[in-house]
Amino acid sequence: MVPNYLIASLSTAADTAIKNALMAGALMQRKPSNEVGFVAAVVRRGVSDIARAWSPLLLPHGLSVGVHGVFCHKSPEATFTDINGKTVKCELADLLVVVEDYLGGRPGRRWAALIQAKMAALGGGKTLTNSGTCANSI
């Protein structure tokens, strides 16, 4: 388990990695300009940059990290009937994040989060260290 006092440093490192991916894109990718491009940049570049940034923070504590992203834009989708009786279909998320805690070389606890990306206003944005309900928006 990651000690609580490392959370702020890990969040800051992740914010930096994600910001760099959003600003520049990934290798063999143009600078992103839409939601799909931004999510792809985070999956293709940001995720590995997060792992690289976290490794030296975790190593002194005997911890290591492996991070993988899953681009899941438009899949899976949920279908439901809205309040007006209309059938509505929408994507559940753009990015799947799974964290596995390996203790003694064996899988321990596992957490998962589906993240829905939204475009921020020009010059705006959210970070992992922001407070409020939009803290997980990218």
Protein backbone atom coordinates (compact mmCIF):
# COMPACT_ATOMS: atom_id res chain seq x y z
CA MET A 1 0.00 0.00 0.00
CA VAL A 2 1.29 3.46 -0.89
CA PRO A 3 1.95 5.59 2.22
CA ASN A 4 -0.47 8.53 2.50
CA TYR A 5 2.36 11.07 2.66
CA LEU A 6 3.37 10.17 -0.92
CA ILE A 7 -0.06 10.90 -2.42
CA ALA A 8 0.58 14.63 -3.02
CA SER A 9 3.90 13.93 -4.78
CA LEU A 10 2.35 11.17 -6.90
CA SER A 11 -0.59 13.42 -7.85
CA THR A 12 1.71 16.28 -8.85
CA ALA A 13 3.85 13.93 -10.96
CA ALA A 14 0.72 12.53 -12.65
CA ASP A 15 -0.64 16.05 -13.31
CA THR A 16 2.64 17.01 -15.00
CA ALA A 17 2.72 13.86 -17.14
CA ILE A 18 -0.90 14.30 -18.23
CA LYS A 19 -0.44 18.01 -18.95
CA ASN A 20 2.60 17.27 -21.13
CA ALA A 21 0.67 14.60 -23.05
CA LEU A 22 -2.30 16.91 -23.56
CA MET A 23 -0.09 19.78 -24.72
CA ALA A 24 2.18 17.85 -27.10
CA GLY A 25 0.45 14.57 -27.93
CA ALA A 26 2.18 11.23 -28.15
CA LEU A 27 4.89 9.87 -30.41
CA MET A 28 3.62 9.58 -34.00
CA GLN A 29 0.57 11.68 -33.11
CA ARG A 30 -0.21 15.28 -34.01
CA LYS A 31 -0.87 17.70 -31.20
CA PRO A 32 -4.36 16.74 -30.03
CA SER A 33 -7.24 19.09 -30.76
CA ASN A 34 -10.34 17.11 -29.81
CA GLU A 35 -11.57 14.79 -27.06
CA VAL A 36 -10.50 11.59 -28.82
CA GLY A 37 -7.02 12.98 -29.53
CA PHE A 38 -6.58 14.09 -25.93
CA VAL A 39 -7.61 10.72 -24.51
CA ALA A 40 -5.34 8.94 -27.01
CA ALA A 41 -2.42 11.17 -25.97
CA VAL A 42 -2.99 10.33 -22.30
CA VAL A 43 -3.15 6.59 -23.03
CA ARG A 44 -0.23 6.54 -25.49
CA ARG A 45 2.12 8.94 -23.68
CA GLY A 46 0.74 10.09 -20.35
CA VAL A 47 0.36 6.67 -18.81
CA SER A 48 3.97 5.62 -19.42
CA ASP A 49 5.21 9.08 -18.32
CA ILE A 50 3.29 8.66 -15.07
CA ALA A 51 4.96 5.30 -14.43
CA ARG A 52 8.39 6.81 -15.16
CA ALA A 53 7.73 9.74 -12.81
CA TRP A 54 6.36 7.54 -10.03
CA SER A 55 9.15 4.95 -10.01
CA PRO A 56 11.79 7.11 -8.23
CA LEU A 57 9.18 8.29 -5.72
CA LEU A 58 8.15 4.72 -4.83
CA LEU A 59 11.52 2.92 -5.02
CA PRO A 60 12.91 4.23 -1.68
CA HIS A 61 9.86 2.68 -0.02
CA GLY A 62 10.37 -0.73 -1.61
CA LEU A 63 7.49 -0.20 -4.03
CA SER A 64 7.36 -0.41 -7.80
CA VAL A 65 4.73 0.46 -10.34
CA GLY A 66 3.48 -0.80 -13.67
CA VAL A 67 0.87 1.33 -15.41
CA HIS A 68 -1.21 0.56 -18.49
CA GLY A 69 -4.04 2.56 -20.00
CA VAL A 70 -7.04 1.28 -21.90
CA PHE A 71 -8.61 3.59 -24.49
CA CYS A 72 -12.31 2.74 -24.35
CA HIS A 73 -13.96 5.66 -26.16
CA LYS A 74 -17.47 4.63 -27.33
CA SER A 75 -17.08 1.14 -25.91
CA PRO A 76 -18.74 -0.03 -23.77
CA GLU A 77 -21.97 1.86 -24.14
CA ALA A 78 -25.03 1.84 -21.93
CA THR A 79 -28.57 1.81 -23.29
CA PHE A 80 -31.43 2.99 -21.12
CA THR A 81 -34.84 4.64 -21.25
CA ASP A 82 -34.86 8.27 -20.12
CA ILE A 83 -37.58 10.02 -18.14
CA ASN A 84 -39.48 10.82 -21.37
CA GLY A 85 -39.54 7.16 -22.45
CA LYS A 86 -36.90 7.74 -25.13
CA THR A 87 -34.18 5.11 -25.61
CA VAL A 88 -30.79 6.70 -25.02
CA LYS A 89 -27.37 5.24 -25.79
CA CYS A 90 -24.18 6.73 -24.37
CA GLU A 91 -20.60 5.74 -23.76
CA LEU A 92 -19.65 4.81 -20.22
CA ALA A 93 -16.14 6.27 -20.34
CA ASP A 94 -13.12 7.19 -22.41
CA LEU A 95 -10.41 5.69 -20.22
CA LEU A 96 -10.22 2.67 -17.93
CA VAL A 97 -7.73 2.79 -15.07
CA VAL A 98 -7.01 -0.36 -13.06
CA VAL A 99 -4.72 -0.44 -10.03
CA GLU A 100 -3.49 -3.77 -8.71
CA ASP A 101 -1.65 -4.01 -5.41
CA TYR A 102 0.90 -6.84 -5.61
CA LEU A 103 1.96 -7.98 -2.16
CA GLY A 104 4.78 -10.50 -1.92
CA GLY A 105 4.72 -10.97 -5.71
CA ARG A 106 1.06 -11.95 -5.74
CA PRO A 107 -1.94 -9.85 -6.76
CA GLY A 108 -3.61 -8.25 -3.78
CA ARG A 109 -6.40 -5.71 -3.85
CA ARG A 110 -7.63 -4.26 -7.16
CA TRP A 111 -9.38 -0.97 -7.89
CA ALA A 112 -10.77 0.30 -11.17
CA ALA A 113 -12.16 3.59 -12.40
CA LEU A 114 -13.84 4.57 -15.64
CA ILE A 115 -13.02 8.17 -16.56
CA GLN A 116 -15.19 10.28 -18.82
CA ALA A 117 -13.18 12.99 -20.59
CA LYS A 118 -14.68 16.38 -21.27
CA MET A 119 -13.27 19.33 -23.12
CA ALA A 120 -12.44 22.30 -20.88
CA ALA A 121 -12.90 25.90 -21.96
CA LEU A 122 -9.95 27.44 -23.76
CA GLY A 123 -7.24 28.04 -21.18
CA GLY A 124 -9.14 26.04 -18.59
CA GLY A 125 -8.61 22.56 -17.33
CA LYS A 126 -8.64 20.29 -14.33
CA THR A 127 -5.87 18.46 -12.53
CA LEU A 128 -5.75 15.52 -10.17
CA THR A 129 -4.94 17.92 -7.33
CA ASN A 130 -7.99 20.17 -7.90
CA SER A 131 -10.75 19.83 -5.34
CA GLY A 132 -14.40 19.45 -6.25
CA THR A 133 -16.45 17.13 -8.38
CA CYS A 134 -14.35 17.60 -11.54
CA ALA A 135 -11.07 16.43 -10.01
CA ASN A 136 -10.89 13.44 -12.36
CA SER A 137 -11.67 15.32 -15.59
CA ILE A 138 -8.98 15.47 -18.23
